[in-house]
Amino acid sequence: MPITPFHLGPGVLIKSVLQERFSLTIFAFSQGLIDIQPVLVILLGKGHLHGFTHTYAGAILLALISTTLGKPICEWFLKFWNKTPEISRDSTFLVGAKIT
């Protein structure tokens, strides 16, 4: 099932062990990339629900994309998130925008 919070379960477990050495934000970004193809299949009604992005070759390609583009894209998004008026008024939802 695409776009499910259960996809983040393994990432939460890894984050709890590796802490600062693992980015849950970039992991979530990679899960979003993997689910683009199934979402398009659902919207367009054509193709295989779990096609190329759910193969070893597709996963490796998306892992390479995530490791190179994930950090700058996620940092940009986190800065954008913090500037959103509803978020910036309530510091409860502010997040660190720097991924190490």
Foldseek 3Di string as FASTA:
>chain_A
DAPDCVQLVVVVVVCVVPPLVGDSQLSVVLSVVLQPVLVVCVVVVDDDNNPDCNDPVNSVVSVVVSVVVVQVVQLVVLVVQCPPVVCVVDVVNRDDSHRD
